[in-house]
C-alpha atoms as a PDB file:
ATOM      1  CA  MET A   1     107.817  -3.991 203.263  1.00  0.00           C
ATOM      2  CA  LEU A   2     107.821  -0.346 205.303  1.00  0.00           C
ATOM      3  CA  PHE A   3     106.797  -2.131 207.937  1.00  0.00           C
ATOM      4  CA  LYS A   4     109.199  -4.593 208.438  1.00  0.00           C
ATOM      5  CA  GLN A   5     112.369  -2.359 208.002  1.00  0.00           C
ATOM      6  CA  SER A   6     110.557   0.310 210.407  1.00  0.00           C
ATOM      7  CA  ALA A   7     111.096  -3.167 213.332  1.00  0.00           C
ATOM      8  CA  GLN A   8     114.335  -3.680 212.000  1.00  0.00           C
ATOM      9  CA  GLN A   9     115.251  -0.821 212.309  1.00  0.00           C
ATOM     10  CA  SER A  10     113.596  -0.107 216.255  1.00  0.00           C
ATOM     11  CA  ALA A  11     115.625  -3.286 217.030  1.00  0.00           C
ATOM     12  CA  LEU A  12     118.824  -1.902 216.173  1.00  0.00           C
ATOM     13  CA  PHE A  13     118.398   1.431 217.775  1.00  0.00           C
ATOM     14  CA  HIS A  14     117.171  -0.744 220.663  1.00  0.00           C
ATOM     15  CA  GLN A  15     119.942  -3.290 221.079  1.00  0.00           C
ATOM     16  CA  GLU A  16     122.595  -0.146 220.347  1.00  0.00           C
ATOM     17  CA  HIS A  17     120.949   1.734 223.098  1.00  0.00           C
ATOM     18  CA  GLN A  18     121.295  -1.484 225.532  1.00  0.00           C
ATOM     19  CA  GLN A  19     125.117  -1.658 224.546  1.00  0.00           C
ATOM     20  CA  VAL A  20     125.775   2.267 225.263  1.00  0.00           C
ATOM     21  CA  GLY A  21     123.636   1.659 228.745  1.00  0.00           C
ATOM     22  CA  GLN A  22     125.746  -1.319 229.744  1.00  0.00           C
ATOM     23  CA  ALA A  23     129.289   0.243 228.190  1.00  0.00           C
ATOM     24  CA  ARG A  24     128.140   2.639 231.060  1.00  0.00           C
ATOM     25  CA  ARG A  25     127.722   1.008 233.453  1.00  0.00           C
ATOM     26  CA  GLU A  26     130.653  -1.234 233.316  1.00  0.00           C
ATOM     27  CA  ALA A  27     132.291   2.189 232.777  1.00  0.00           C
ATOM     28  CA  GLU A  28     130.714   3.445 236.162  1.00  0.00           C
ATOM     29  CA  ALA A  29     131.774   0.252 237.791  1.00  0.00           C
ATOM     30  CA  LEU A  30     135.909   0.951 237.370  1.00  0.00           C
ATOM     31  CA  PHE A  31     135.594   4.248 238.606  1.00  0.00           C
ATOM     32  CA  ARG A  32     133.255   3.321 241.767  1.00  0.00           C
ATOM     33  CA  SER A  33     134.727   2.223 245.414  1.00  0.00           C
ATOM     34  CA  LYS A  34     134.519  -1.372 245.915  1.00  0.00           C
ATOM     35  CA  PRO A  35     132.990  -3.160 249.458  1.00  0.00           C
ATOM     36  CA  LYS A  36     135.661  -3.618 251.978  1.00  0.00           C
ATOM     37  CA  ILE A  37     135.126  -7.354 253.694  1.00  0.00           C
ATOM     38  CA  VAL A  38     136.245  -6.741 257.413  1.00  0.00           C
ATOM     39  CA  GLU A  39     136.494 -10.579 258.421  1.00  0.00           C
ATOM     40  CA  PRO A  40     137.371 -10.911 262.101  1.00  0.00           C
ATOM     41  CA  SER A  41     140.721 -10.420 263.667  1.00  0.00           C
ATOM     42  CA  ARG A  42     142.208 -14.766 264.564  1.00  0.00           C
ATOM     43  CA  ARG A  43     144.937 -15.390 267.266  1.00  0.00           C
ATOM     44  CA  SER A  44     147.263 -17.604 265.967  1.00  0.00           C
ATOM     45  CA  ASP A  45     145.652 -20.540 267.619  1.00  0.00           C
ATOM     46  CA  GLY A  46     142.753 -19.427 265.423  1.00  0.00           C
ATOM     47  CA  SER A  47     140.121 -18.323 268.353  1.00  0.00           C
ATOM     48  CA  PRO A  48     138.508 -14.882 267.253  1.00  0.00           C
ATOM     49  CA  THR A  49     139.830 -11.911 269.391  1.00  0.00           C
ATOM     50  CA  GLU A  50     138.195  -9.536 271.450  1.00  0.00           C
ATOM     51  CA  ALA A  51     138.539  -5.822 271.184  1.00  0.00           C
ATOM     52  CA  ALA A  52     137.477  -5.824 275.419  1.00  0.00           C
ATOM     53  CA  ALA A  53     140.295  -8.202 275.827  1.00  0.00           C
ATOM     54  CA  ARG A  54     142.608  -6.126 274.008  1.00  0.00           C
ATOM     55  CA  LYS A  55     144.615  -3.567 276.070  1.00  0.00           C
ATOM     56  CA  PRO A  56     146.868  -0.673 274.790  1.00  0.00           C
ATOM     57  CA  ARG A  57     150.567  -0.967 275.175  1.00  0.00           C
ATOM     58  CA  ILE A  58     152.068   1.802 277.370  1.00  0.00           C
ATOM     59  CA  LEU A  59     155.594   2.500 277.204  1.00  0.00           C
ATOM     60  CA  ARG A  60     157.674   4.558 279.550  1.00  0.00           C
ATOM     61  CA  ALA A  61     159.213   7.751 278.949  1.00  0.00           C
ATOM     62  CA  VAL A  62     163.208   7.115 279.764  1.00  0.00           C
ATOM     63  CA  PRO A  63     164.754   9.989 281.240  1.00  0.00           C
ATOM     64  CA  PRO A  64     167.828  11.559 279.739  1.00  0.00           C
ATOM     65  CA  ALA A  65     171.310  10.484 280.388  1.00  0.00           C
ATOM     66  CA  PRO A  66     172.980  12.173 283.001  1.00  0.00           C
ATOM     67  CA  GLY A  67     174.852  15.020 281.689  1.00  0.00           C
ATOM     68  CA  LEU A  68     174.470  15.577 278.697  1.00  0.00           C
ATOM     69  CA  LYS A  69     173.337  18.672 277.375  1.00  0.00           C
ATOM     70  CA  LYS A  70     169.748  19.415 275.893  1.00  0.00           C
ATOM     71  CA  GLY A  71     169.007  20.627 272.642  1.00  0.00           C
ATOM     72  CA  ALA A  72     170.085  21.574 269.318  1.00  0.00           C
ATOM     73  CA  ALA A  73     170.730  25.021 270.948  1.00  0.00           C
ATOM     74  CA  ALA A  74     174.060  23.602 273.053  1.00  0.00           C
ATOM     75  CA  VAL A  75     175.453  21.458 270.173  1.00  0.00           C
ATOM     76  CA  LEU A  76     175.712  24.959 268.563  1.00  0.00           C
ATOM     77  CA  GLN A  77     176.710  26.525 271.103  1.00  0.00           C
ATOM     78  CA  GLU A  78     179.624  23.962 271.927  1.00  0.00           C
ATOM     79  CA  GLN A  79     180.751  24.459 268.405  1.00  0.00           C
ATOM     80  CA  GLN A  80     180.927  28.066 267.502  1.00  0.00           C
ATOM     81  CA  PRO A  81     183.826  30.118 269.909  1.00  0.00           C
ATOM     82  CA  ALA A  82     182.743  32.595 272.137  1.00  0.00           C
ATOM     83  CA  LEU A  83     182.369  35.688 270.387  1.00  0.00           C
ATOM     84  CA  THR A  84     184.146  38.763 271.822  1.00  0.00           C
ATOM     85  CA  PRO A  85     182.228  41.647 271.827  1.00  0.00           C
ATOM     86  CA  LEU A  86     184.015  43.439 269.491  1.00  0.00           C
ATOM     87  CA  GLN A  87     182.805  40.634 266.855  1.00  0.00           C
ATOM     88  CA  ARG A  88     179.974  40.775 267.733  1.00  0.00           C
ATOM     89  CA  ALA A  89     179.458  44.779 266.887  1.00  0.00           C
ATOM     90  CA  ARG A  90     180.938  43.789 263.902  1.00  0.00           C
ATOM     91  CA  ALA A  91     178.836  40.831 262.899  1.00  0.00           C
ATOM     92  CA  GLU A  92     176.020  43.265 263.775  1.00  0.00           C
ATOM     93  CA  ARG A  93     177.353  45.896 261.794  1.00  0.00           C
ATOM     94  CA  HIS A  94     177.164  43.085 258.543  1.00  0.00           C
ATOM     95  CA  ARG A  95     173.813  42.167 259.550  1.00  0.00           C
ATOM     96  CA  LEU A  96     172.248  45.203 259.577  1.00  0.00           C
ATOM     97  CA  ASN A  97     174.209  46.609 256.751  1.00  0.00           C
ATOM     98  CA  ARG A  98     172.580  43.477 254.756  1.00  0.00           C
ATOM     99  CA  VAL A  99     168.948  44.457 255.756  1.00  0.00           C
ATOM    100  CA  ASP A 100     169.781  48.384 254.647  1.00  0.00           C
ATOM    101  CA  GLU A 101     170.627  46.958 251.215  1.00  0.00           C
ATOM    102  CA  THR A 102     167.680  44.704 250.855  1.00  0.00           C
ATOM    103  CA  VAL A 103     165.356  48.342 252.260  1.00  0.00           C
ATOM    104  CA  TYR A 104     166.778  50.137 249.902  1.00  0.00           C
ATOM    105  CA  THR A 105     166.488  47.717 247.008  1.00  0.00           C
ATOM    106  CA  GLN A 106     163.007  47.095 247.707  1.00  0.00           C
ATOM    107  CA  GLN A 107     162.508  50.741 247.750  1.00  0.00           C
ATOM    108  CA  GLN A 108     164.149  51.288 244.363  1.00  0.00           C
ATOM    109  CA  GLU A 109     161.189  49.126 242.809  1.00  0.00           C
ATOM    110  CA  LEU A 110     158.319  50.216 244.776  1.00  0.00           C
ATOM    111  CA  GLN A 111     159.516  53.555 242.988  1.00  0.00           C
ATOM    112  CA  ALA A 112     159.942  52.497 239.734  1.00  0.00           C
ATOM    113  CA  LYS A 113     156.395  50.460 239.797  1.00  0.00           C
ATOM    114  CA  LEU A 114     155.826  54.099 241.631  1.00  0.00           C
ATOM    115  CA  GLU A 115     156.805  55.857 238.601  1.00  0.00           C
ATOM    116  CA  ALA A 116     155.041  53.200 235.902  1.00  0.00           C
ATOM    117  CA  ILE A 117     151.910  54.191 237.948  1.00  0.00           C
ATOM    118  CA  ASP A 118     152.270  57.659 237.544  1.00  0.00           C
ATOM    119  CA  THR A 119     152.854  57.976 234.053  1.00  0.00           C
ATOM    120  CA  GLU A 120     149.981  55.337 233.254  1.00  0.00           C
ATOM    121  CA  LEU A 121     147.102  57.569 235.181  1.00  0.00           C
ATOM    122  CA  ARG A 122     148.817  60.909 233.075  1.00  0.00           C
ATOM    123  CA  ALA A 123     148.259  59.376 230.345  1.00  0.00           C
ATOM    124  CA  ILE A 124     144.504  58.590 231.312  1.00  0.00           C
ATOM    125  CA  ALA A 125     143.512  61.895 232.162  1.00  0.00           C
ATOM    126  CA  ALA A 126     145.242  63.157 228.975  1.00  0.00           C
ATOM    127  CA  TYR A 127     142.642  60.437 227.090  1.00  0.00           C
ATOM    128  CA  GLU A 128     140.171  61.499 228.720  1.00  0.00           C
ATOM    129  CA  ALA A 129     140.389  65.231 228.539  1.00  0.00           C
ATOM    130  CA  ALA A 130     140.757  65.039 224.523  1.00  0.00           C
ATOM    131  CA  LYS A 131     137.538  62.805 224.862  1.00  0.00           C
ATOM    132  CA  GLN A 132     135.991  65.345 226.403  1.00  0.00           C
ATOM    133  CA  GLY A 133     137.714  68.365 224.077  1.00  0.00           C
ATOM    134  CA  GLU A 134     135.848  66.452 221.376  1.00  0.00           C
ATOM    135  CA  VAL A 135     132.107  66.494 222.728  1.00  0.00           C
ATOM    136  CA  SER A 136     132.249  70.119 223.672  1.00  0.00           C
ATOM    137  CA  SER A 137     134.043  71.064 220.408  1.00  0.00           C
ATOM    138  CA  SER A 138     131.504  69.659 218.263  1.00  0.00           C
ATOM    139  CA  PRO A 139     128.629  71.193 216.930  1.00  0.00           C
ATOM    140  CA  PRO A 140     125.382  71.038 218.947  1.00  0.00           C
ATOM    141  CA  ARG A 141     122.753  68.613 217.296  1.00  0.00           C
ATOM    142  CA  HIS A 142     119.304  69.625 216.878  1.00  0.00           C
ATOM    143  CA  CYS A 143     116.644  67.529 217.443  1.00  0.00           C
ATOM    144  CA  GLY A 144     113.945  67.201 215.033  1.00  0.00           C
ATOM    145  CA  VAL A 145     113.620  70.369 213.286  1.00  0.00           C
END
């Protein structure tokens, strides 16, 4: 009777093991790349084409139409009216003022970060000094006496 139960348990274990293995193989097959079947290309009349017989098409570059200006810069030049030297100087001054403001803002942000770092370093130094003071003010320890 004990042998029969052992044989049944073994058979069930073997069957479950096979089912798990089959499920694993099926799952792996889902993610495996499928082989691609390449068929030779055929002409419209049904005969296979040969790669050597095919010639690449070469297209010629068409020259631009005469009288047209090239590039986006030419388009921008046409759209913008000519600036007087005074207008150009004012525009440049305005641009430089914006750059100045940006640099000043960045400088202030960096200064705030440096001050925070200095504060942390002073706190660490004070902690280390207090820690050293505790060690030196404690009574000396005697070993084995």
